[in-house]
Amino acid sequence: MKLRYRNAARIDLESFINHYREAFRTLYSDTGLWNEDLIIEGYERSALQLYDAINAAIRLRIGKNKVIGRKQVTSNWFEAHVSAASRTIFVLYSEEKTTNTRWVESISIDRKPIIF
């Protein structure tokens, strides 16, 4: 099946990644550490890798012909759980049988606490 993202779902994912990036930028800015810029750059790369991992996991799970373990939410909406980068992602999607397309409607990502 073709997999497409609604704008709301893209915003959900991009918002999560931007908050992730900003949290570490804020945490490591103006610390006085000599390698502060390197640390921030590392988390910038990590954010991009996390985005790619989440996107790939969603495509792998929801893009198949059959989604095992999905839960029907409404007559045309379904929920599936996806694991990526040790996070649980809750995906709401709909199906258009006539066009053989699944639309990712919403993405919610389980946030891991930052432990020091």
PDB file of N, CA and C in Angstrom:
ATOM      1  N   MET A   1       0.836  -1.188   0.000  1.00  0.00           N
ATOM      2  CA  MET A   1       0.000   0.000   0.000  1.00  0.00           C
ATOM      3  C   MET A   1       0.877   1.247   0.000  1.00  0.00           C
ATOM      4  N   LYS A   2       0.382   2.287  -0.633  1.00  0.00           N
ATOM      5  CA  LYS A   2       1.087   3.567  -0.599  1.00  0.00           C
ATOM      6  C   LYS A   2       0.863   4.197   0.767  1.00  0.00           C
ATOM      7  N   LEU A   3       1.880   4.838   1.270  1.00  0.00           N
ATOM      8  CA  LEU A   3       1.786   5.483   2.574  1.00  0.00           C
ATOM      9  C   LEU A   3       2.003   6.980   2.399  1.00  0.00           C
ATOM     10  N   ARG A   4       1.074   7.743   2.909  1.00  0.00           N
ATOM     11  CA  ARG A   4       1.138   9.196   2.830  1.00  0.00           C
ATOM     12  C   ARG A   4       0.941   9.775   4.233  1.00  0.00           C
ATOM     13  N   TYR A   5       1.501  10.951   4.440  1.00  0.00           N
ATOM     14  CA  TYR A   5       1.351  11.639   5.710  1.00  0.00           C
ATOM     15  C   TYR A   5       0.443  12.856   5.539  1.00  0.00           C
ATOM     16  N   ARG A   6      -0.507  13.002   6.421  1.00  0.00           N
ATOM     17  CA  ARG A   6      -1.286  14.243   6.483  1.00  0.00           C
ATOM     18  C   ARG A   6      -0.379  15.313   7.082  1.00  0.00           C
ATOM     19  N   ASN A   7      -0.704  16.559   6.825  1.00  0.00           N
ATOM     20  CA  ASN A   7       0.107  17.650   7.374  1.00  0.00           C
ATOM     21  C   ASN A   7       0.181  17.595   8.893  1.00  0.00           C
ATOM     22  N   ALA A   8      -0.913  17.262   9.545  1.00  0.00           N
ATOM     23  CA  ALA A   8      -0.931  17.185  11.014  1.00  0.00           C
ATOM     24  C   ALA A   8       0.067  16.145  11.524  1.00  0.00           C
ATOM     25  N   ALA A   9       0.163  15.024  10.844  1.00  0.00           N
ATOM     26  CA  ALA A   9       1.099  13.970  11.257  1.00  0.00           C
ATOM     27  C   ALA A   9       2.543  14.423  11.058  1.00  0.00           C
ATOM     28  N   ARG A  10       2.813  15.089   9.949  1.00  0.00           N
ATOM     29  CA  ARG A  10       4.165  15.622   9.717  1.00  0.00           C
ATOM     30  C   ARG A  10       4.540  16.637  10.793  1.00  0.00           C
ATOM     31  N   ILE A  11       3.586  17.481  11.139  1.00  0.00           N
ATOM     32  CA  ILE A  11       3.828  18.480  12.184  1.00  0.00           C
ATOM     33  C   ILE A  11       4.080  17.796  13.518  1.00  0.00           C
ATOM     34  N   ASP A  12       3.332  16.729  13.820  1.00  0.00           N
ATOM     35  CA  ASP A  12       3.549  15.976  15.066  1.00  0.00           C
ATOM     36  C   ASP A  12       4.989  15.488  15.149  1.00  0.00           C
ATOM     37  N   LEU A  13       5.472  14.875  14.080  1.00  0.00           N
ATOM     38  CA  LEU A  13       6.823  14.319  14.067  1.00  0.00           C
ATOM     39  C   LEU A  13       7.874  15.426  14.103  1.00  0.00           C
ATOM     40  N   GLU A  14       7.706  16.437  13.283  1.00  0.00           N
ATOM     41  CA  GLU A  14       8.681  17.527  13.250  1.00  0.00           C
ATOM     42  C   GLU A  14       8.711  18.297  14.568  1.00  0.00           C
ATOM     43  N   SER A  15       7.571  18.457  15.196  1.00  0.00           N
ATOM     44  CA  SER A  15       7.497  19.134  16.489  1.00  0.00           C
ATOM     45  C   SER A  15       8.267  18.350  17.552  1.00  0.00           C
ATOM     46  N   PHE A  16       8.081  17.027  17.558  1.00  0.00           N
ATOM     47  CA  PHE A  16       8.812  16.200  18.517  1.00  0.00           C
ATOM     48  C   PHE A  16      10.319  16.352  18.316  1.00  0.00           C
ATOM     49  N   ILE A  17      10.771  16.277  17.072  1.00  0.00           N
ATOM     50  CA  ILE A  17      12.198  16.382  16.775  1.00  0.00           C
ATOM     51  C   ILE A  17      12.718  17.771  17.134  1.00  0.00           C
ATOM     52  N   ASN A  18      11.961  18.807  16.837  1.00  0.00           N
ATOM     53  CA  ASN A  18      12.393  20.163  17.186  1.00  0.00           C
ATOM     54  C   ASN A  18      12.486  20.365  18.696  1.00  0.00           C
ATOM     55  N   HIS A  19      11.545  19.807  19.444  1.00  0.00           N
ATOM     56  CA  HIS A  19      11.610  19.896  20.907  1.00  0.00           C
ATOM     57  C   HIS A  19      12.816  19.114  21.446  1.00  0.00           C
ATOM     58  N   TYR A  20      13.081  17.956  20.871  1.00  0.00           N
ATOM     59  CA  TYR A  20      14.245  17.156  21.248  1.00  0.00           C
ATOM     60  C   TYR A  20      15.521  17.966  21.032  1.00  0.00           C
ATOM     61  N   ARG A  21      15.634  18.532  19.842  1.00  0.00           N
ATOM     62  CA  ARG A  21      16.809  19.323  19.472  1.00  0.00           C
ATOM     63  C   ARG A  21      16.960  20.533  20.401  1.00  0.00           C
ATOM     64  N   GLU A  22      15.866  21.236  20.627  1.00  0.00           N
ATOM     65  CA  GLU A  22      15.906  22.451  21.443  1.00  0.00           C
ATOM     66  C   GLU A  22      16.235  22.151  22.909  1.00  0.00           C
ATOM     67  N   ALA A  23      15.737  21.029  23.407  1.00  0.00           N
ATOM     68  CA  ALA A  23      16.016  20.664  24.808  1.00  0.00           C
ATOM     69  C   ALA A  23      17.513  20.491  25.036  1.00  0.00           C
ATOM     70  N   PHE A  24      18.182  19.817  24.128  1.00  0.00           N
ATOM     71  CA  PHE A  24      19.614  19.606  24.297  1.00  0.00           C
ATOM     72  C   PHE A  24      20.411  20.859  23.970  1.00  0.00           C
ATOM     73  N   ARG A  25      19.929  21.661  23.043  1.00  0.00           N
ATOM     74  CA  ARG A  25      20.602  22.929  22.738  1.00  0.00           C
ATOM     75  C   ARG A  25      20.558  23.836  23.977  1.00  0.00           C
ATOM     76  N   THR A  26      19.399  23.890  24.624  1.00  0.00           N
ATOM     77  CA  THR A  26      19.252  24.705  25.825  1.00  0.00           C
ATOM     78  C   THR A  26      20.099  24.152  26.965  1.00  0.00           C
ATOM     79  N   LEU A  27      20.099  22.847  27.103  1.00  0.00           N
ATOM     80  CA  LEU A  27      20.840  22.204  28.184  1.00  0.00           C
ATOM     81  C   LEU A  27      22.341  22.445  28.082  1.00  0.00           C
ATOM     82  N   TYR A  28      22.874  22.400  26.871  1.00  0.00           N
ATOM     83  CA  TYR A  28      24.322  22.499  26.698  1.00  0.00           C
ATOM     84  C   TYR A  28      24.800  23.861  26.207  1.00  0.00           C
ATOM     85  N   SER A  29      23.920  24.832  26.106  1.00  0.00           N
ATOM     86  CA  SER A  29      24.348  26.178  25.720  1.00  0.00           C
ATOM     87  C   SER A  29      24.841  26.938  26.947  1.00  0.00           C
ATOM     88  N   ASP A  30      25.893  27.682  26.748  1.00  0.00           N
ATOM     89  CA  ASP A  30      26.445  28.544  27.795  1.00  0.00           C
ATOM     90  C   ASP A  30      26.820  27.767  29.061  1.00  0.00           C
ATOM     91  N   THR A  31      27.406  26.579  28.871  1.00  0.00           N
ATOM     92  CA  THR A  31      27.821  25.769  30.017  1.00  0.00           C
ATOM     93  C   THR A  31      29.244  26.067  30.440  1.00  0.00           C
ATOM     94  N   GLY A  32      29.999  26.642  29.520  1.00  0.00           N
ATOM     95  CA  GLY A  32      31.409  26.880  29.813  1.00  0.00           C
ATOM     96  C   GLY A  32      32.289  25.706  29.444  1.00  0.00           C
ATOM     97  N   LEU A  33      31.691  24.629  28.958  1.00  0.00           N
ATOM     98  CA  LEU A  33      32.484  23.481  28.539  1.00  0.00           C
ATOM     99  C   LEU A  33      33.216  23.828  27.244  1.00  0.00           C
ATOM    100  N   TRP A  34      34.449  23.367  27.130  1.00  0.00           N
ATOM    101  CA  TRP A  34      35.238  23.678  25.937  1.00  0.00           C
ATOM    102  C   TRP A  34      34.658  23.029  24.678  1.00  0.00           C
ATOM    103  N   ASN A  35      33.962  21.898  24.841  1.00  0.00           N
ATOM    104  CA  ASN A  35      33.423  21.175  23.688  1.00  0.00           C
ATOM    105  C   ASN A  35      31.906  21.336  23.552  1.00  0.00           C
ATOM    106  N   GLU A  36      31.398  22.409  24.075  1.00  0.00           N
ATOM    107  CA  GLU A  36      29.959  22.689  24.039  1.00  0.00           C
ATOM    108  C   GLU A  36      29.394  22.605  22.621  1.00  0.00           C
ATOM    109  N   ASP A  37      30.068  23.214  21.658  1.00  0.00           N
ATOM    110  CA  ASP A  37      29.594  23.197  20.270  1.00  0.00           C
ATOM    111  C   ASP A  37      29.581  21.782  19.695  1.00  0.00           C
ATOM    112  N   LEU A  38      30.585  20.985  20.052  1.00  0.00           N
ATOM    113  CA  LEU A  38      30.628  19.594  19.575  1.00  0.00           C
ATOM    114  C   LEU A  38      29.480  18.776  20.151  1.00  0.00           C
ATOM    115  N   ILE A  39      29.176  19.006  21.398  1.00  0.00           N
ATOM    116  CA  ILE A  39      28.071  18.288  22.046  1.00  0.00           C
ATOM    117  C   ILE A  39      26.752  18.642  21.361  1.00  0.00           C
ATOM    118  N   ILE A  40      26.542  19.928  21.138  1.00  0.00           N
ATOM    119  CA  ILE A  40      25.309  20.374  20.485  1.00  0.00           C
ATOM    120  C   ILE A  40      25.216  19.820  19.069  1.00  0.00           C
ATOM    121  N   GLU A  41      26.312  19.830  18.327  1.00  0.00           N
ATOM    122  CA  GLU A  41      26.327  19.263  16.973  1.00  0.00           C
ATOM    123  C   GLU A  41      25.995  17.773  17.003  1.00  0.00           C
ATOM    124  N   GLY A  42      26.494  17.074  18.023  1.00  0.00           N
ATOM    125  CA  GLY A  42      26.192  15.648  18.166  1.00  0.00           C
ATOM    126  C   GLY A  42      24.704  15.408  18.364  1.00  0.00           C
ATOM    127  N   TYR A  43      24.069  16.251  19.158  1.00  0.00           N
ATOM    128  CA  TYR A  43      22.627  16.104  19.363  1.00  0.00           C
ATOM    129  C   TYR A  43      21.836  16.539  18.138  1.00  0.00           C
ATOM    130  N   GLU A  44      22.373  17.467  17.355  1.00  0.00           N
ATOM    131  CA  GLU A  44      21.729  17.835  16.089  1.00  0.00           C
ATOM    132  C   GLU A  44      21.710  16.619  15.156  1.00  0.00           C
ATOM    133  N   ARG A  45      22.845  15.942  15.059  1.00  0.00           N
ATOM    134  CA  ARG A  45      22.914  14.725  14.232  1.00  0.00           C
ATOM    135  C   ARG A  45      21.996  13.645  14.788  1.00  0.00           C
ATOM    136  N   SER A  46      21.980  13.531  16.104  1.00  0.00           N
ATOM    137  CA  SER A  46      21.125  12.545  16.751  1.00  0.00           C
ATOM    138  C   SER A  46      19.649  12.810  16.450  1.00  0.00           C
ATOM    139  N   ALA A  47      19.260  14.071  16.413  1.00  0.00           N
ATOM    140  CA  ALA A  47      17.867  14.427  16.106  1.00  0.00           C
ATOM    141  C   ALA A  47      17.507  14.002  14.686  1.00  0.00           C
ATOM    142  N   LEU A  48      18.410  14.227  13.741  1.00  0.00           N
ATOM    143  CA  LEU A  48      18.156  13.811  12.356  1.00  0.00           C
ATOM    144  C   LEU A  48      18.069  12.295  12.243  1.00  0.00           C
ATOM    145  N   GLN A  49      18.933  11.597  12.959  1.00  0.00           N
ATOM    146  CA  GLN A  49      18.904  10.132  12.945  1.00  0.00           C
ATOM    147  C   GLN A  49      17.611   9.615  13.577  1.00  0.00           C
ATOM    148  N   LEU A  50      17.162  10.274  14.633  1.00  0.00           N
ATOM    149  CA  LEU A  50      15.922   9.884  15.294  1.00  0.00           C
ATOM    150  C   LEU A  50      14.732  10.084  14.354  1.00  0.00           C
ATOM    151  N   TYR A  51      14.716  11.206  13.648  1.00  0.00           N
ATOM    152  CA  TYR A  51      13.658  11.466  12.664  1.00  0.00           C
ATOM    153  C   TYR A  51      13.623  10.352  11.616  1.00  0.00           C
ATOM    154  N   ASP A  52      14.786  10.027  11.079  1.00  0.00           N
ATOM    155  CA  ASP A  52      14.871   8.974  10.058  1.00  0.00           C
ATOM    156  C   ASP A  52      14.438   7.621  10.607  1.00  0.00           C
ATOM    157  N   ALA A  53      14.840   7.307  11.842  1.00  0.00           N
ATOM    158  CA  ALA A  53      14.489   6.021  12.446  1.00  0.00           C
ATOM    159  C   ALA A  53      12.984   5.906  12.669  1.00  0.00           C
ATOM    160  N   ILE A  54      12.370   6.973  13.145  1.00  0.00           N
ATOM    161  CA  ILE A  54      10.924   6.956  13.382  1.00  0.00           C
ATOM    162  C   ILE A  54      10.178   6.838  12.061  1.00  0.00           C
ATOM    163  N   ASN A  55      10.579   7.626  11.093  1.00  0.00           N
ATOM    164  CA  ASN A  55       9.937   7.585   9.773  1.00  0.00           C
ATOM    165  C   ASN A  55      10.075   6.201   9.139  1.00  0.00           C
ATOM    166  N   ALA A  56      11.255   5.620   9.209  1.00  0.00           N
ATOM    167  CA  ALA A  56      11.483   4.290   8.623  1.00  0.00           C
ATOM    168  C   ALA A  56      10.653   3.225   9.340  1.00  0.00           C
ATOM    169  N   ALA A  57      10.564   3.309  10.664  1.00  0.00           N
ATOM    170  CA  ALA A  57       9.789   2.325  11.422  1.00  0.00           C
ATOM    171  C   ALA A  57       8.302   2.410  11.080  1.00  0.00           C
ATOM    172  N   ILE A  58       7.800   3.635  10.925  1.00  0.00           N
ATOM    173  CA  ILE A  58       6.395   3.810  10.553  1.00  0.00           C
ATOM    174  C   ILE A  58       6.159   3.242   9.162  1.00  0.00           C
ATOM    175  N   ARG A  59       7.037   3.554   8.230  1.00  0.00           N
ATOM    176  CA  ARG A  59       6.885   3.055   6.854  1.00  0.00           C
ATOM    177  C   ARG A  59       6.938   1.521   6.816  1.00  0.00           C
ATOM    178  N   LEU A  60       7.833   0.947   7.592  1.00  0.00           N
ATOM    179  CA  LEU A  60       7.972  -0.503   7.611  1.00  0.00           C
ATOM    180  C   LEU A  60       6.719  -1.173   8.174  1.00  0.00           C
ATOM    181  N   ARG A  61       6.174  -0.622   9.240  1.00  0.00           N
ATOM    182  CA  ARG A  61       5.032  -1.244   9.920  1.00  0.00           C
ATOM    183  C   ARG A  61       3.705  -0.958   9.226  1.00  0.00           C
ATOM    184  N   ILE A  62       3.472   0.287   8.870  1.00  0.00           N
ATOM    185  CA  ILE A  62       2.174   0.682   8.329  1.00  0.00           C
ATOM    186  C   ILE A  62       2.106   0.482   6.816  1.00  0.00           C
ATOM    187  N   GLY A  63       3.231   0.454   6.146  1.00  0.00           N
ATOM    188  CA  GLY A  63       3.250   0.328   4.695  1.00  0.00           C
ATOM    189  C   GLY A  63       2.999  -1.074   4.173  1.00  0.00           C
ATOM    190  N   LYS A  64       2.969  -2.050   5.043  1.00  0.00           N
ATOM    191  CA  LYS A  64       2.712  -3.425   4.612  1.00  0.00           C
ATOM    192  C   LYS A  64       1.247  -3.605   4.235  1.00  0.00           C
ATOM    193  N   ASN A  65       0.971  -4.659   3.489  1.00  0.00           N
ATOM    194  CA  ASN A  65      -0.417  -4.938   3.103  1.00  0.00           C
ATOM    195  C   ASN A  65      -1.298  -5.199   4.322  1.00  0.00           C
ATOM    196  N   LYS A  66      -0.779  -5.945   5.273  1.00  0.00           N
ATOM    197  CA  LYS A  66      -1.526  -6.240   6.498  1.00  0.00           C
ATOM    198  C   LYS A  66      -0.750  -5.697   7.691  1.00  0.00           C
ATOM    199  N   VAL A  67      -1.455  -5.008   8.555  1.00  0.00           N
ATOM    200  CA  VAL A  67      -0.850  -4.476   9.772  1.00  0.00           C
ATOM    201  C   VAL A  67      -1.351  -5.330  10.926  1.00  0.00           C
ATOM    202  N   ILE A  68      -0.492  -6.204  11.411  1.00  0.00           N
ATOM    203  CA  ILE A  68      -0.875  -7.120  12.484  1.00  0.00           C
ATOM    204  C   ILE A  68      -0.872  -6.362  13.809  1.00  0.00           C
ATOM    205  N   GLY A  69      -1.911  -6.582  14.592  1.00  0.00           N
ATOM    206  CA  GLY A  69      -1.997  -5.967  15.914  1.00  0.00           C
ATOM    207  C   GLY A  69      -2.583  -4.571  15.911  1.00  0.00           C
ATOM    208  N   ARG A  70      -3.133  -4.161  14.808  1.00  0.00           N
ATOM    209  CA  ARG A  70      -3.733  -2.832  14.777  1.00  0.00           C
ATOM    210  C   ARG A  70      -5.066  -2.851  15.513  1.00  0.00           C
ATOM    211  N   LYS A  71      -5.472  -1.686  15.955  1.00  0.00           N
ATOM    212  CA  LYS A  71      -6.728  -1.548  16.685  1.00  0.00           C
ATOM    213  C   LYS A  71      -7.626  -0.606  15.886  1.00  0.00           C
ATOM    214  N   GLN A  72      -8.860  -1.013  15.653  1.00  0.00           N
ATOM    215  CA  GLN A  72      -9.787  -0.172  14.916  1.00  0.00           C
ATOM    216  C   GLN A  72     -10.365   0.869  15.869  1.00  0.00           C
ATOM    217  N   VAL A  73     -10.212   2.147  15.510  1.00  0.00           N
ATOM    218  CA  VAL A  73     -10.666   3.252  16.355  1.00  0.00           C
ATOM    219  C   VAL A  73     -12.033   3.751  15.895  1.00  0.00           C
ATOM    220  N   THR A  74     -12.189   3.954  14.603  1.00  0.00           N
ATOM    221  CA  THR A  74     -13.484   4.305  14.006  1.00  0.00           C
ATOM    222  C   THR A  74     -13.678   3.383  12.814  1.00  0.00           C
ATOM    223  N   SER A  75     -14.692   3.656  12.008  1.00  0.00           N
ATOM    224  CA  SER A  75     -14.961   2.768  10.873  1.00  0.00           C
ATOM    225  C   SER A  75     -13.817   2.755   9.863  1.00  0.00           C
ATOM    226  N   ASN A  76     -13.044   3.834   9.792  1.00  0.00           N
ATOM    227  CA  ASN A  76     -11.970   3.895   8.801  1.00  0.00           C
ATOM    228  C   ASN A  76     -10.609   4.265   9.410  1.00  0.00           C
ATOM    229  N   TRP A  77     -10.556   4.474  10.700  1.00  0.00           N
ATOM    230  CA  TRP A  77      -9.301   4.843  11.363  1.00  0.00           C
ATOM    231  C   TRP A  77      -8.805   3.687  12.218  1.00  0.00           C
ATOM    232  N   PHE A  78      -7.471   3.536  12.210  1.00  0.00           N
ATOM    233  CA  PHE A  78      -6.842   2.456  12.957  1.00  0.00           C
ATOM    234  C   PHE A  78      -5.675   3.011  13.770  1.00  0.00           C
ATOM    235  N   GLU A  79      -5.316   2.296  14.806  1.00  0.00           N
ATOM    236  CA  GLU A  79      -4.165   2.655  15.632  1.00  0.00           C
ATOM    237  C   GLU A  79      -3.180   1.500  15.608  1.00  0.00           C
ATOM    238  N   ALA A  80      -1.908   1.836  15.481  1.00  0.00           N
ATOM    239  CA  ALA A  80      -0.856   0.826  15.544  1.00  0.00           C
ATOM    240  C   ALA A  80       0.290   1.393  16.364  1.00  0.00           C
ATOM    241  N   HIS A  81       0.973   0.510  17.059  1.00  0.00           N
ATOM    242  CA  HIS A  81       2.142   0.903  17.837  1.00  0.00           C
ATOM    243  C   HIS A  81       3.386   0.502  17.063  1.00  0.00           C
ATOM    244  N   VAL A  82       4.350   1.395  17.060  1.00  0.00           N
ATOM    245  CA  VAL A  82       5.603   1.190  16.342  1.00  0.00           C
ATOM    246  C   VAL A  82       6.731   1.451  17.321  1.00  0.00           C
ATOM    247  N   SER A  83       7.788   0.678  17.233  1.00  0.00           N
ATOM    248  CA  SER A  83       8.963   0.903  18.072  1.00  0.00           C
ATOM    249  C   SER A  83      10.102   1.425  17.216  1.00  0.00           C
ATOM    250  N   ALA A  84      10.736   2.482  17.701  1.00  0.00           N
ATOM    251  CA  ALA A  84      11.889   3.049  17.008  1.00  0.00           C
ATOM    252  C   ALA A  84      12.765   3.747  18.024  1.00  0.00           C
ATOM    253  N   ALA A  85      14.052   3.453  17.977  1.00  0.00           N
ATOM    254  CA  ALA A  85      15.031   4.094  18.862  1.00  0.00           C
ATOM    255  C   ALA A  85      14.587   4.020  20.319  1.00  0.00           C
ATOM    256  N   SER A  86      14.156   2.866  20.741  1.00  0.00           N
ATOM    257  CA  SER A  86      13.684   2.566  22.098  1.00  0.00           C
ATOM    258  C   SER A  86      12.526   3.462  22.537  1.00  0.00           C
ATOM    259  N   ARG A  87      11.762   3.934  21.593  1.00  0.00           N
ATOM    260  CA  ARG A  87      10.568   4.726  21.873  1.00  0.00           C
ATOM    261  C   ARG A  87       9.356   4.007  21.299  1.00  0.00           C
ATOM    262  N   THR A  88       8.212   4.229  21.917  1.00  0.00           N
ATOM    263  CA  THR A  88       6.963   3.710  21.391  1.00  0.00           C
ATOM    264  C   THR A  88       6.248   4.845  20.680  1.00  0.00           C
ATOM    265  N   ILE A  89       5.866   4.588  19.445  1.00  0.00           N
ATOM    266  CA  ILE A  89       5.178   5.578  18.631  1.00  0.00           C
ATOM    267  C   ILE A  89       3.766   5.069  18.396  1.00  0.00           C
ATOM    268  N   PHE A  90       2.783   5.918  18.697  1.00  0.00           N
ATOM    269  CA  PHE A  90       1.381   5.593  18.483  1.00  0.00           C
ATOM    270  C   PHE A  90       0.954   6.280  17.193  1.00  0.00           C
ATOM    271  N   VAL A  91       0.540   5.488  16.228  1.00  0.00           N
ATOM    272  CA  VAL A  91       0.197   6.013  14.913  1.00  0.00           C
ATOM    273  C   VAL A  91      -1.285   5.788  14.652  1.00  0.00           C
ATOM    274  N   LEU A  92      -1.984   6.874  14.335  1.00  0.00           N
ATOM    275  CA  LEU A  92      -3.362   6.776  13.857  1.00  0.00           C
ATOM    276  C   LEU A  92      -3.326   6.926  12.346  1.00  0.00           C
ATOM    277  N   TYR A  93      -4.004   6.026  11.660  1.00  0.00           N
ATOM    278  CA  TYR A  93      -4.004   6.103  10.206  1.00  0.00           C
ATOM    279  C   TYR A  93      -5.365   5.688   9.657  1.00  0.00           C
ATOM    280  N   SER A  94      -5.615   6.130   8.441  1.00  0.00           N
ATOM    281  CA  SER A  94      -6.845   5.763   7.754  1.00  0.00           C
ATOM    282  C   SER A  94      -6.473   5.074   6.449  1.00  0.00           C
ATOM    283  N   GLU A  95      -7.456   4.426   5.860  1.00  0.00           N
ATOM    284  CA  GLU A  95      -7.219   3.696   4.617  1.00  0.00           C
ATOM    285  C   GLU A  95      -8.201   4.135   3.547  1.00  0.00           C
ATOM    286  N   GLU A  96      -7.689   4.284   2.352  1.00  0.00           N
ATOM    287  CA  GLU A  96      -8.528   4.500   1.177  1.00  0.00           C
ATOM    288  C   GLU A  96      -8.342   3.265   0.292  1.00  0.00           C
ATOM    289  N   LYS A  97      -9.268   2.358   0.379  1.00  0.00           N
ATOM    290  CA  LYS A  97      -9.164   1.095  -0.361  1.00  0.00           C
ATOM    291  C   LYS A  97      -9.164   1.325  -1.877  1.00  0.00           C
ATOM    292  N   THR A  98      -9.913   2.319  -2.339  1.00  0.00           N
ATOM    293  CA  THR A  98     -10.023   2.549  -3.782  1.00  0.00           C
ATOM    294  C   THR A  98      -8.691   2.973  -4.400  1.00  0.00           C
ATOM    295  N   THR A  99      -7.881   3.716  -3.647  1.00  0.00           N
ATOM    296  CA  THR A  99      -6.583   4.179  -4.164  1.00  0.00           C
ATOM    297  C   THR A  99      -5.426   3.376  -3.598  1.00  0.00           C
ATOM    298  N   ASN A 100      -5.752   2.386  -2.747  1.00  0.00           N
ATOM    299  CA  ASN A 100      -4.716   1.559  -2.130  1.00  0.00           C
ATOM    300  C   ASN A 100      -3.709   2.422  -1.358  1.00  0.00           C
ATOM    301  N   THR A 101      -4.247   3.371  -0.580  1.00  0.00           N
ATOM    302  CA  THR A 101      -3.419   4.330   0.149  1.00  0.00           C
ATOM    303  C   THR A 101      -3.761   4.323   1.631  1.00  0.00           C
ATOM    304  N   ARG A 102      -2.744   4.385   2.443  1.00  0.00           N
ATOM    305  CA  ARG A 102      -2.915   4.601   3.882  1.00  0.00           C
ATOM    306  C   ARG A 102      -2.422   6.004   4.195  1.00  0.00           C
ATOM    307  N   TRP A 103      -3.222   6.722   4.972  1.00  0.00           N
ATOM    308  CA  TRP A 103      -2.881   8.078   5.377  1.00  0.00           C
ATOM    309  C   TRP A 103      -2.536   8.087   6.856  1.00  0.00           C
ATOM    310  N   VAL A 104      -1.316   8.489   7.184  1.00  0.00           N
ATOM    311  CA  VAL A 104      -0.940   8.668   8.586  1.00  0.00           C
ATOM    312  C   VAL A 104      -1.584   9.976   9.022  1.00  0.00           C
ATOM    313  N   GLU A 105      -2.484   9.869   9.984  1.00  0.00           N
ATOM    314  CA  GLU A 105      -3.265  11.023  10.423  1.00  0.00           C
ATOM    315  C   GLU A 105      -2.628  11.726  11.612  1.00  0.00           C
ATOM    316  N   SER A 106      -2.036  10.941  12.499  1.00  0.00           N
ATOM    317  CA  SER A 106      -1.502  11.499  13.735  1.00  0.00           C
ATOM    318  C   SER A 106      -0.372  10.608  14.254  1.00  0.00           C
ATOM    319  N   ILE A 107       0.622  11.249  14.846  1.00  0.00           N
ATOM    320  CA  ILE A 107       1.751  10.525  15.446  1.00  0.00           C
ATOM    321  C   ILE A 107       1.946  11.045  16.855  1.00  0.00           C
ATOM    322  N   SER A 108       1.994  10.135  17.804  1.00  0.00           N
ATOM    323  CA  SER A 108       2.280  10.498  19.191  1.00  0.00           C
ATOM    324  C   SER A 108       3.459   9.654  19.652  1.00  0.00           C
ATOM    325  N   ILE A 109       4.460  10.310  20.198  1.00  0.00           N
ATOM    326  CA  ILE A 109       5.695   9.620  20.559  1.00  0.00           C
ATOM    327  C   ILE A 109       5.868   9.634  22.064  1.00  0.00           C
ATOM    328  N   ASP A 110       6.093   8.444  22.615  1.00  0.00           N
ATOM    329  CA  ASP A 110       6.341   8.302  24.042  1.00  0.00           C
ATOM    330  C   ASP A 110       7.665   8.991  24.356  1.00  0.00           C
ATOM    331  N   ARG A 111       7.634   9.958  25.225  1.00  0.00           N
ATOM    332  CA  ARG A 111       8.836  10.728  25.544  1.00  0.00           C
ATOM    333  C   ARG A 111       9.606  10.049  26.685  1.00  0.00           C
ATOM    334  N   LYS A 112      10.876   9.913  26.468  1.00  0.00           N
ATOM    335  CA  LYS A 112      11.737   9.327  27.491  1.00  0.00           C
ATOM    336  C   LYS A 112      12.272  10.446  28.379  1.00  0.00           C
ATOM    337  N   PRO A 113      12.328  10.211  29.666  1.00  0.00           N
ATOM    338  CA  PRO A 113      12.900  11.252  30.536  1.00  0.00           C
ATOM    339  C   PRO A 113      14.407  11.365  30.313  1.00  0.00           C
ATOM    340  N   ILE A 114      14.908  12.557  30.501  1.00  0.00           N
ATOM    341  CA  ILE A 114      16.353  12.779  30.422  1.00  0.00           C
ATOM    342  C   ILE A 114      16.906  12.591  31.821  1.00  0.00           C
ATOM    343  N   ILE A 115      17.805  11.636  31.954  1.00  0.00           N
ATOM    344  CA  ILE A 115      18.367  11.304  33.274  1.00  0.00           C
ATOM    345  C   ILE A 115      19.823  11.742  33.298  1.00  0.00           C
ATOM    346  N   PHE A 116      20.177  12.443  34.341  1.00  0.00           N
ATOM    347  CA  PHE A 116      21.561  12.917  34.494  1.00  0.00           C
ATOM    348  C   PHE A 116      22.305  12.079  35.507  1.00  0.00           C
TER     349      PHE A 116
END
